[in-house]
Amino acid sequence: MEWITAISIWIIPLLIGIILLHGTWKKVAVYESFVEGGKEGIQIALSIIPFLVGMLVAITILRASGALDFFISLAEPVLLRLGVPSEIVPLAAIRPISGNAALGVMSDIIATHGPDSFIGRMASTIQGSTDTTLYIITVYFGAVGIKKMGDALKVGLLADLVGITAAIVIISWMFGS
């Protein structure tokens, strides 16, 4: 295990050194390239801010309006028949929209039920098996000016659905309810 510690300590400085040496060997102005990349990064960050604010407002409205709770109450009878805890629905609904909001929901679930509970394990698995599809598409596609995002949205939401379904099936199979 000592070699893993040594690798973890040296891997980043070693990679940086290799990149600097390679750039110098290829006669690239390494520092100037780094500064240019930093400028581009700041410009991209500034262009993303309006899209980020829009998503955060939409998420807040969804949660504060009670719309999410309404949809959960509609789905609860079906969920009970399938053996899916209704506490998972807010996480599954919010995860494609916002990672921070989903993390908050997951933290609430774990604080209420515990990390080793059936619901806690399922929440953790859903959090790790899905992505923030709507956030990614809104922010990144908007920042680079992509207007046609229908196929990416369909595939991303399908991947989220598969991740959520797989998490529910696997956790139910491994740990039972």
N, C-alpha and C. Protein backbone atom coordinates (compact mmCIF):
# COMPACT_ATOMS: atom_id res chain seq x y z
N MET A 1 0.81 -1.20 0.00
CA MET A 1 0.00 0.00 0.00
C MET A 1 0.85 1.27 0.00
N GLU A 2 2.10 1.16 0.38
CA GLU A 2 2.97 2.33 0.38
C GLU A 2 3.21 2.84 -1.04
N TRP A 3 3.26 1.91 -2.01
CA TRP A 3 3.49 2.34 -3.38
C TRP A 3 2.31 3.13 -3.93
N ILE A 4 1.08 2.81 -3.48
CA ILE A 4 -0.10 3.57 -3.89
C ILE A 4 -0.01 4.99 -3.34
N THR A 5 0.41 5.12 -2.11
CA THR A 5 0.60 6.45 -1.51
C THR A 5 1.65 7.24 -2.27
N ALA A 6 2.75 6.58 -2.61
CA ALA A 6 3.81 7.27 -3.36
C ALA A 6 3.32 7.71 -4.73
N ILE A 7 2.56 6.85 -5.40
CA ILE A 7 2.02 7.21 -6.71
C ILE A 7 1.06 8.39 -6.59
N SER A 8 0.19 8.35 -5.58
CA SER A 8 -0.79 9.43 -5.43
C SER A 8 -0.11 10.76 -5.11
N ILE A 9 1.01 10.73 -4.45
CA ILE A 9 1.73 11.97 -4.13
C ILE A 9 2.44 12.52 -5.37
N TRP A 10 2.99 11.65 -6.19
CA TRP A 10 3.84 12.08 -7.29
C TRP A 10 3.15 12.17 -8.66
N ILE A 11 1.95 11.63 -8.81
CA ILE A 11 1.35 11.54 -10.15
C ILE A 11 1.07 12.91 -10.77
N ILE A 12 0.49 13.83 -10.03
CA ILE A 12 0.18 15.16 -10.59
C ILE A 12 1.44 15.94 -10.92
N PRO A 13 2.39 16.09 -9.99
CA PRO A 13 3.62 16.81 -10.36
C PRO A 13 4.35 16.15 -11.54
N LEU A 14 4.32 14.82 -11.59
CA LEU A 14 4.98 14.11 -12.69
C LEU A 14 4.29 14.41 -14.02
N LEU A 15 2.97 14.38 -14.04
CA LEU A 15 2.24 14.71 -15.27
C LEU A 15 2.51 16.15 -15.72
N ILE A 16 2.51 17.08 -14.78
CA ILE A 16 2.79 18.48 -15.12
C ILE A 16 4.20 18.60 -15.70
N GLY A 17 5.14 17.93 -15.08
CA GLY A 17 6.52 17.96 -15.58
C GLY A 17 6.63 17.39 -16.97
N ILE A 18 5.97 16.27 -17.23
CA ILE A 18 5.99 15.65 -18.56
C ILE A 18 5.39 16.59 -19.60
N ILE A 19 4.28 17.22 -19.26
CA ILE A 19 3.63 18.17 -20.19
C ILE A 19 4.56 19.34 -20.49
N LEU A 20 5.19 19.89 -19.46
CA LEU A 20 6.11 21.02 -19.66
C LEU A 20 7.31 20.61 -20.51
N LEU A 21 7.88 19.46 -20.22
CA LEU A 21 9.03 18.98 -21.00
C LEU A 21 8.65 18.71 -22.45
N HIS A 22 7.51 18.09 -22.67
CA HIS A 22 7.06 17.80 -24.02
C HIS A 22 6.81 19.09 -24.80
N GLY A 23 6.14 20.06 -24.15
CA GLY A 23 5.89 21.34 -24.79
C GLY A 23 7.18 22.07 -25.14
N THR A 24 8.13 22.03 -24.24
CA THR A 24 9.43 22.66 -24.49
C THR A 24 10.15 21.94 -25.63
N TRP A 25 10.12 20.63 -25.63
CA TRP A 25 10.77 19.84 -26.67
C TRP A 25 10.16 20.13 -28.05
N LYS A 26 8.82 20.35 -28.07
CA LYS A 26 8.14 20.66 -29.33
C LYS A 26 8.22 22.15 -29.68
N LYS A 27 8.97 22.92 -28.87
CA LYS A 27 9.18 24.35 -29.08
C LYS A 27 7.87 25.14 -29.01
N VAL A 28 7.02 24.77 -28.06
CA VAL A 28 5.77 25.48 -27.80
C VAL A 28 6.03 26.48 -26.69
N ALA A 29 5.49 27.69 -26.83
CA ALA A 29 5.60 28.68 -25.76
C ALA A 29 4.63 28.24 -24.64
N VAL A 30 5.12 27.44 -23.74
CA VAL A 30 4.28 26.77 -22.74
C VAL A 30 3.56 27.76 -21.85
N TYR A 31 4.28 28.72 -21.30
CA TYR A 31 3.66 29.68 -20.39
C TYR A 31 2.62 30.53 -21.11
N GLU A 32 2.93 30.99 -22.29
CA GLU A 32 2.01 31.80 -23.07
C GLU A 32 0.75 31.01 -23.43
N SER A 33 0.93 29.75 -23.77
CA SER A 33 -0.21 28.88 -24.07
C SER A 33 -1.09 28.70 -22.83
N PHE A 34 -0.44 28.56 -21.68
CA PHE A 34 -1.18 28.44 -20.42
C PHE A 34 -2.00 29.70 -20.15
N VAL A 35 -1.40 30.87 -20.35
CA VAL A 35 -2.10 32.14 -20.11
C VAL A 35 -3.28 32.29 -21.08
N GLU A 36 -3.08 31.93 -22.35
CA GLU A 36 -4.17 31.99 -23.33
C GLU A 36 -5.32 31.06 -22.93
N GLY A 37 -4.99 29.87 -22.47
CA GLY A 37 -6.01 28.94 -22.00
C GLY A 37 -6.78 29.50 -20.81
N GLY A 38 -6.07 30.19 -19.93
CA GLY A 38 -6.73 30.83 -18.79
C GLY A 38 -7.70 31.91 -19.23
N LYS A 39 -7.31 32.70 -20.22
CA LYS A 39 -8.20 33.75 -20.75
C LYS A 39 -9.46 33.13 -21.35
N GLU A 40 -9.28 32.07 -22.14
CA GLU A 40 -10.43 31.39 -22.73
C GLU A 40 -11.35 30.81 -21.65
N GLY A 41 -10.74 30.25 -20.60
CA GLY A 41 -11.53 29.69 -19.51
C GLY A 41 -12.40 30.74 -18.83
N ILE A 42 -11.85 31.91 -18.62
CA ILE A 42 -12.61 33.00 -18.00
C ILE A 42 -13.74 33.45 -18.92
N GLN A 43 -13.47 33.56 -20.21
CA GLN A 43 -14.51 33.95 -21.16
C GLN A 43 -15.64 32.93 -21.20
N ILE A 44 -15.30 31.66 -21.18
CA ILE A 44 -16.33 30.61 -21.17
C ILE A 44 -17.14 30.67 -19.89
N ALA A 45 -16.47 30.86 -18.75
CA ALA A 45 -17.17 30.94 -17.47
C ALA A 45 -18.16 32.10 -17.47
N LEU A 46 -17.76 33.23 -18.01
CA LEU A 46 -18.65 34.39 -18.07
C LEU A 46 -19.84 34.15 -19.01
N SER A 47 -19.60 33.43 -20.10
CA SER A 47 -20.70 33.17 -21.03
C SER A 47 -21.69 32.14 -20.47
N ILE A 48 -21.27 31.33 -19.53
CA ILE A 48 -22.14 30.31 -18.94
C ILE A 48 -23.07 30.89 -17.88
N ILE A 49 -22.68 31.98 -17.24
CA ILE A 49 -23.43 32.52 -16.09
C ILE A 49 -24.91 32.74 -16.38
N PRO A 50 -25.33 33.37 -17.50
CA PRO A 50 -26.78 33.55 -17.71
C PRO A 50 -27.55 32.23 -17.77
N PHE A 51 -26.97 31.23 -18.40
CA PHE A 51 -27.64 29.92 -18.49
C PHE A 51 -27.73 29.27 -17.12
N LEU A 52 -26.69 29.41 -16.33
CA LEU A 52 -26.67 28.86 -14.98
C LEU A 52 -27.72 29.51 -14.10
N VAL A 53 -27.83 30.82 -14.17
CA VAL A 53 -28.84 31.55 -13.39
C VAL A 53 -30.24 31.10 -13.80
N GLY A 54 -30.47 30.96 -15.09
CA GLY A 54 -31.78 30.50 -15.57
C GLY A 54 -32.15 29.13 -15.03
N MET A 55 -31.20 28.21 -15.03
CA MET A 55 -31.46 26.87 -14.50
C MET A 55 -31.73 26.90 -13.01
N LEU A 56 -30.96 27.69 -12.27
CA LEU A 56 -31.16 27.76 -10.82
C LEU A 56 -32.53 28.34 -10.48
N VAL A 57 -32.98 29.34 -11.22
CA VAL A 57 -34.31 29.92 -11.00
C VAL A 57 -35.39 28.88 -11.29
N ALA A 58 -35.24 28.16 -12.39
CA ALA A 58 -36.23 27.13 -12.74
C ALA A 58 -36.31 26.04 -11.67
N ILE A 59 -35.18 25.63 -11.14
CA ILE A 59 -35.15 24.61 -10.10
C ILE A 59 -35.83 25.11 -8.83
N THR A 60 -35.54 26.33 -8.46
CA THR A 60 -36.14 26.91 -7.26
C THR A 60 -37.65 27.00 -7.40
N ILE A 61 -38.13 27.39 -8.57
CA ILE A 61 -39.57 27.49 -8.81
C ILE A 61 -40.22 26.11 -8.71
N LEU A 62 -39.59 25.10 -9.30
CA LEU A 62 -40.12 23.74 -9.26
C LEU A 62 -40.26 23.25 -7.83
N ARG A 63 -39.26 23.48 -7.02
CA ARG A 63 -39.29 22.99 -5.64
C ARG A 63 -40.23 23.82 -4.77
N ALA A 64 -40.17 25.15 -4.90
CA ALA A 64 -40.95 26.03 -4.03
C ALA A 64 -42.44 26.03 -4.36
N SER A 65 -42.79 25.76 -5.61
CA SER A 65 -44.20 25.80 -6.02
C SER A 65 -44.99 24.60 -5.51
N GLY A 66 -44.30 23.56 -5.13
CA GLY A 66 -44.98 22.35 -4.70
C GLY A 66 -45.28 21.41 -5.86
N ALA A 67 -44.87 21.77 -7.07
CA ALA A 67 -45.13 20.92 -8.24
C ALA A 67 -44.47 19.56 -8.08
N LEU A 68 -43.28 19.54 -7.53
CA LEU A 68 -42.58 18.27 -7.34
C LEU A 68 -43.33 17.37 -6.37
N ASP A 69 -43.80 17.93 -5.27
CA ASP A 69 -44.58 17.14 -4.29
C ASP A 69 -45.88 16.63 -4.91
N PHE A 70 -46.50 17.44 -5.76
CA PHE A 70 -47.73 17.02 -6.44
C PHE A 70 -47.48 15.80 -7.32
N PHE A 71 -46.42 15.84 -8.10
CA PHE A 71 -46.11 14.72 -8.99
C PHE A 71 -45.76 13.46 -8.19
N ILE A 72 -45.11 13.63 -7.05
CA ILE A 72 -44.79 12.48 -6.21
C ILE A 72 -46.06 11.84 -5.68
N SER A 73 -47.02 12.66 -5.25
CA SER A 73 -48.28 12.11 -4.72
C SER A 73 -49.06 11.37 -5.81
N LEU A 74 -48.95 11.82 -7.06
CA LEU A 74 -49.61 11.11 -8.16
C LEU A 74 -48.96 9.76 -8.43
N ALA A 75 -47.66 9.69 -8.31
CA ALA A 75 -46.93 8.47 -8.64
C ALA A 75 -46.86 7.47 -7.49
N GLU A 76 -47.18 7.89 -6.30
CA GLU A 76 -46.98 7.03 -5.12
C GLU A 76 -47.69 5.67 -5.20
N PRO A 77 -48.94 5.58 -5.63
CA PRO A 77 -49.57 4.24 -5.70
C PRO A 77 -48.83 3.27 -6.61
N VAL A 78 -48.36 3.76 -7.75
CA VAL A 78 -47.62 2.90 -8.68
C VAL A 78 -46.28 2.50 -8.07
N LEU A 79 -45.63 3.44 -7.43
CA LEU A 79 -44.33 3.17 -6.82
C LEU A 79 -44.44 2.11 -5.73
N LEU A 80 -45.48 2.19 -4.92
CA LEU A 80 -45.68 1.20 -3.86
C LEU A 80 -45.83 -0.20 -4.44
N ARG A 81 -46.56 -0.34 -5.54
CA ARG A 81 -46.73 -1.65 -6.18
C ARG A 81 -45.40 -2.19 -6.72
N LEU A 82 -44.54 -1.27 -7.17
CA LEU A 82 -43.24 -1.68 -7.72
C LEU A 82 -42.18 -1.87 -6.64
N GLY A 83 -42.50 -1.49 -5.41
CA GLY A 83 -41.55 -1.62 -4.31
C GLY A 83 -40.49 -0.52 -4.30
N VAL A 84 -40.81 0.60 -4.92
CA VAL A 84 -39.88 1.74 -4.97
C VAL A 84 -40.29 2.75 -3.90
N PRO A 85 -39.37 3.11 -3.01
CA PRO A 85 -39.71 4.09 -1.98
C PRO A 85 -40.02 5.46 -2.61
N SER A 86 -41.11 6.09 -2.18
CA SER A 86 -41.49 7.38 -2.76
C SER A 86 -40.48 8.48 -2.40
N GLU A 87 -39.67 8.26 -1.37
CA GLU A 87 -38.65 9.25 -1.00
C GLU A 87 -37.59 9.41 -2.09
N ILE A 88 -37.48 8.43 -2.97
CA ILE A 88 -36.48 8.45 -4.04
C ILE A 88 -36.92 9.34 -5.21
N VAL A 89 -38.23 9.54 -5.38
CA VAL A 89 -38.75 10.26 -6.53
C VAL A 89 -38.18 11.69 -6.66
N PRO A 90 -38.14 12.47 -5.56
CA PRO A 90 -37.56 13.81 -5.73
C PRO A 90 -36.12 13.78 -6.24
N LEU A 91 -35.35 12.83 -5.76
CA LEU A 91 -33.96 12.71 -6.23
C LEU A 91 -33.93 12.34 -7.71
N ALA A 92 -34.75 11.37 -8.10
CA ALA A 92 -34.78 10.94 -9.51
C ALA A 92 -35.28 12.06 -10.41
N ALA A 93 -36.19 12.89 -9.91
CA ALA A 93 -36.73 13.99 -10.72
C ALA A 93 -35.76 15.16 -10.83
N ILE A 94 -35.04 15.43 -9.77
CA ILE A 94 -34.17 16.62 -9.75
C ILE A 94 -32.78 16.32 -10.29
N ARG A 95 -32.32 15.09 -10.21
CA ARG A 95 -30.96 14.77 -10.63
C ARG A 95 -30.65 15.18 -12.08
N PRO A 96 -31.53 14.96 -13.06
CA PRO A 96 -31.20 15.42 -14.42
C PRO A 96 -31.16 16.94 -14.56
N ILE A 97 -31.70 17.65 -13.58
CA ILE A 97 -31.76 19.11 -13.66
C ILE A 97 -30.58 19.77 -12.97
N SER A 98 -30.28 19.34 -11.74
CA SER A 98 -29.25 20.02 -10.96
C SER A 98 -28.53 19.05 -10.03
N GLY A 99 -27.23 19.01 -10.13
CA GLY A 99 -26.43 18.17 -9.25
C GLY A 99 -26.47 18.65 -7.81
N ASN A 100 -26.41 19.98 -7.60
CA ASN A 100 -26.44 20.52 -6.24
C ASN A 100 -27.78 20.26 -5.56
N ALA A 101 -28.87 20.47 -6.29
CA ALA A 101 -30.19 20.21 -5.71
C ALA A 101 -30.35 18.72 -5.41
N ALA A 102 -29.87 17.86 -6.31
CA ALA A 102 -29.95 16.42 -6.08
C ALA A 102 -29.10 16.01 -4.89
N LEU A 103 -27.94 16.63 -4.75
CA LEU A 103 -27.09 16.34 -3.59
C LEU A 103 -27.79 16.73 -2.30
N GLY A 104 -28.50 17.86 -2.33
CA GLY A 104 -29.27 18.28 -1.15
C GLY A 104 -30.37 17.29 -0.81
N VAL A 105 -31.08 16.81 -1.83
CA VAL A 105 -32.15 15.83 -1.61
C VAL A 105 -31.54 14.53 -1.07
N MET A 106 -30.44 14.09 -1.67
CA MET A 106 -29.80 12.87 -1.21
C MET A 106 -29.32 13.01 0.24
N SER A 107 -28.75 14.17 0.56
CA SER A 107 -28.30 14.41 1.94
C SER A 107 -29.46 14.34 2.92
N ASP A 108 -30.61 14.89 2.53
CA ASP A 108 -31.80 14.81 3.38
C ASP A 108 -32.24 13.36 3.57
N ILE A 109 -32.22 12.60 2.49
CA ILE A 109 -32.60 11.18 2.57
C ILE A 109 -31.67 10.43 3.51
N ILE A 110 -30.37 10.66 3.36
CA ILE A 110 -29.40 9.95 4.20
C ILE A 110 -29.49 10.42 5.65
N ALA A 111 -29.72 11.71 5.87
CA ALA A 111 -29.87 12.20 7.24
C ALA A 111 -31.11 11.59 7.90
N THR A 112 -32.16 11.39 7.13
CA THR A 112 -33.41 10.84 7.68
C THR A 112 -33.33 9.33 7.87
N HIS A 113 -32.80 8.61 6.87
CA HIS A 113 -32.87 7.15 6.88
C HIS A 113 -31.54 6.47 7.19
N GLY A 114 -30.44 7.20 7.06
CA GLY A 114 -29.12 6.62 7.31
C GLY A 114 -28.47 6.14 6.02
N PRO A 115 -27.13 6.17 5.98
CA PRO A 115 -26.42 5.79 4.75
C PRO A 115 -26.49 4.30 4.43
N ASP A 116 -26.67 3.46 5.44
CA ASP A 116 -26.70 2.02 5.21
C ASP A 116 -28.11 1.46 5.09
N SER A 117 -29.11 2.35 5.07
CA SER A 117 -30.49 1.89 4.90
C SER A 117 -30.74 1.57 3.43
N PHE A 118 -31.81 0.88 3.19
CA PHE A 118 -32.19 0.55 1.81
C PHE A 118 -32.36 1.82 0.99
N ILE A 119 -33.08 2.79 1.54
CA ILE A 119 -33.33 4.05 0.83
C ILE A 119 -32.04 4.84 0.67
N GLY A 120 -31.20 4.85 1.68
CA GLY A 120 -29.92 5.56 1.60
C GLY A 120 -29.01 4.98 0.53
N ARG A 121 -28.96 3.66 0.46
CA ARG A 121 -28.15 3.01 -0.59
C ARG A 121 -28.70 3.29 -1.98
N MET A 122 -30.03 3.26 -2.08
CA MET A 122 -30.63 3.52 -3.38
C MET A 122 -30.38 4.97 -3.81
N ALA A 123 -30.52 5.90 -2.89
CA ALA A 123 -30.28 7.31 -3.20
C ALA A 123 -28.83 7.53 -3.63
N SER A 124 -27.91 6.92 -2.92
CA SER A 124 -26.48 7.06 -3.27
C SER A 124 -26.19 6.47 -4.64
N THR A 125 -26.80 5.34 -4.94
CA THR A 125 -26.58 4.69 -6.23
C THR A 125 -27.18 5.51 -7.37
N ILE A 126 -28.36 6.06 -7.16
CA ILE A 126 -28.98 6.92 -8.18
C ILE A 126 -28.11 8.15 -8.41
N GLN A 127 -27.62 8.74 -7.34
CA GLN A 127 -26.77 9.94 -7.47
C GLN A 127 -25.52 9.63 -8.30
N GLY A 128 -24.96 8.45 -8.11
CA GLY A 128 -23.75 8.09 -8.84
C GLY A 128 -24.00 7.50 -10.22
N SER A 129 -25.23 7.09 -10.50
CA SER A 129 -25.53 6.41 -11.77
C SER A 129 -26.15 7.33 -12.82
N THR A 130 -26.41 8.56 -12.46
CA THR A 130 -27.07 9.47 -13.39
C THR A 130 -26.26 10.76 -13.51
N ASP A 131 -26.70 11.61 -14.41
CA ASP A 131 -25.99 12.87 -14.63
C ASP A 131 -26.99 14.02 -14.68
N THR A 132 -26.47 15.22 -14.71
CA THR A 132 -27.29 16.43 -14.74
C THR A 132 -27.53 16.82 -16.20
N THR A 133 -28.30 16.01 -16.89
CA THR A 133 -28.49 16.15 -18.33
C THR A 133 -29.00 17.52 -18.74
N LEU A 134 -30.08 17.98 -18.14
CA LEU A 134 -30.65 19.27 -18.53
C LEU A 134 -29.69 20.41 -18.23
N TYR A 135 -29.00 20.32 -17.12
CA TYR A 135 -28.01 21.34 -16.76
C TYR A 135 -26.89 21.37 -17.79
N ILE A 136 -26.36 20.21 -18.11
CA ILE A 136 -25.25 20.14 -19.07
C ILE A 136 -25.68 20.68 -20.42
N ILE A 137 -26.84 20.26 -20.90
CA ILE A 137 -27.29 20.71 -22.21
C ILE A 137 -27.55 22.21 -22.20
N THR A 138 -28.22 22.71 -21.17
CA THR A 138 -28.52 24.14 -21.10
C THR A 138 -27.26 24.98 -21.02
N VAL A 139 -26.39 24.64 -20.12
CA VAL A 139 -25.21 25.48 -19.89
C VAL A 139 -24.19 25.34 -21.01
N TYR A 140 -23.78 24.14 -21.29
CA TYR A 140 -22.69 23.97 -22.24
C TYR A 140 -23.13 24.16 -23.69
N PHE A 141 -24.28 23.63 -24.06
CA PHE A 141 -24.75 23.84 -25.43
C PHE A 141 -25.07 25.32 -25.64
N GLY A 142 -25.65 25.96 -24.62
CA GLY A 142 -25.95 27.38 -24.72
C GLY A 142 -24.69 28.23 -24.82
N ALA A 143 -23.66 27.85 -24.10
CA ALA A 143 -22.42 28.62 -24.09
C ALA A 143 -21.72 28.60 -25.44
N VAL A 144 -21.84 27.51 -26.17
CA VAL A 144 -21.17 27.42 -27.46
C VAL A 144 -22.13 27.68 -28.63
N GLY A 145 -23.38 27.98 -28.31
CA GLY A 145 -24.32 28.40 -29.34
C GLY A 145 -25.00 27.29 -30.12
N ILE A 146 -25.04 26.08 -29.58
CA ILE A 146 -25.73 24.98 -30.27
C ILE A 146 -27.23 25.15 -30.06
N LYS A 147 -27.97 25.21 -31.14
CA LYS A 147 -29.42 25.44 -31.07
C LYS A 147 -30.22 24.13 -31.13
N LYS A 148 -29.77 23.17 -31.92
CA LYS A 148 -30.48 21.91 -32.08
C LYS A 148 -29.89 20.89 -31.12
N MET A 149 -30.61 20.65 -30.04
CA MET A 149 -30.10 19.74 -29.01
C MET A 149 -31.07 18.62 -28.71
N GLY A 150 -32.05 18.41 -29.58
CA GLY A 150 -33.08 17.41 -29.33
C GLY A 150 -32.55 16.00 -29.15
N ASP A 151 -31.67 15.56 -30.03
CA ASP A 151 -31.15 14.19 -29.93
C ASP A 151 -30.30 14.02 -28.68
N ALA A 152 -29.49 15.01 -28.37
CA ALA A 152 -28.66 14.94 -27.16
C ALA A 152 -29.54 14.88 -25.91
N LEU A 153 -30.62 15.64 -25.92
CA LEU A 153 -31.54 15.63 -24.79
C LEU A 153 -32.20 14.26 -24.64
N LYS A 154 -32.67 13.69 -25.75
CA LYS A 154 -33.31 12.37 -25.71
C LYS A 154 -32.35 11.30 -25.19
N VAL A 155 -31.16 11.28 -25.72
CA VAL A 155 -30.18 10.27 -25.31
C VAL A 155 -29.78 10.48 -23.85
N GLY A 156 -29.58 11.73 -23.44
CA GLY A 156 -29.20 12.01 -22.06
C GLY A 156 -30.27 11.61 -21.07
N LEU A 157 -31.53 11.94 -21.37
CA LEU A 157 -32.63 11.56 -20.47
C LEU A 157 -32.85 10.05 -20.47
N LEU A 158 -32.66 9.41 -21.62
CA LEU A 158 -32.76 7.95 -21.66
C LEU A 158 -31.67 7.32 -20.80
N ALA A 159 -30.46 7.86 -20.87
CA ALA A 159 -29.36 7.36 -20.04
C ALA A 159 -29.67 7.55 -18.56
N ASP A 160 -30.28 8.69 -18.21
CA ASP A 160 -30.68 8.92 -16.82
C ASP A 160 -31.74 7.90 -16.38
N LEU A 161 -32.71 7.66 -17.24
CA LEU A 161 -33.76 6.68 -16.92
C LEU A 161 -33.17 5.29 -16.73
N VAL A 162 -32.24 4.91 -17.59
CA VAL A 162 -31.58 3.61 -17.46
C VAL A 162 -30.78 3.56 -16.16
N GLY A 163 -30.08 4.64 -15.83
CA GLY A 163 -29.31 4.68 -14.59
C GLY A 163 -30.19 4.56 -13.36
N ILE A 164 -31.31 5.27 -13.36
CA ILE A 164 -32.24 5.22 -12.23
C ILE A 164 -32.86 3.83 -12.11
N THR A 165 -33.29 3.29 -13.25
CA THR A 165 -33.90 1.95 -13.24
C THR A 165 -32.89 0.90 -12.78
N ALA A 166 -31.68 0.96 -13.30
CA ALA A 166 -30.65 0.00 -12.90
C ALA A 166 -30.35 0.12 -11.41
N ALA A 167 -30.28 1.35 -10.90
CA ALA A 167 -30.02 1.54 -9.47
C ALA A 167 -31.12 0.91 -8.63
N ILE A 168 -32.36 1.13 -9.02
CA ILE A 168 -33.49 0.57 -8.27
C ILE A 168 -33.47 -0.95 -8.32
N VAL A 169 -33.27 -1.51 -9.50
CA VAL A 169 -33.27 -2.97 -9.66
C VAL A 169 -32.11 -3.59 -8.90
N ILE A 170 -30.93 -3.07 -9.06
CA ILE A 170 -29.73 -3.66 -8.43
C ILE A 170 -29.80 -3.55 -6.91
N ILE A 171 -30.17 -2.38 -6.39
CA ILE A 171 -30.25 -2.21 -4.93
C ILE A 171 -31.37 -3.08 -4.37
N SER A 172 -32.50 -3.16 -5.06
CA SER A 172 -33.58 -4.04 -4.59
C SER A 172 -33.15 -5.49 -4.59
N TRP A 173 -32.42 -5.89 -5.60
CA TRP A 173 -31.95 -7.27 -5.70
C TRP A 173 -30.88 -7.57 -4.63
N MET A 174 -29.96 -6.64 -4.44
CA MET A 174 -28.86 -6.89 -3.51
C MET A 174 -29.26 -6.74 -2.04
N PHE A 175 -30.10 -5.76 -1.74
CA PHE A 175 -30.37 -5.45 -0.35
C PHE A 175 -31.83 -5.66 0.06
N GLY A 176 -32.72 -5.88 -0.90
CA GLY A 176 -34.13 -6.07 -0.58
C GLY A 176 -34.72 -4.84 0.09
N SER A 177 -36.03 -4.74 0.14
CA SER A 177 -36.64 -3.55 0.73
C SER A 177 -37.15 -3.75 2.11
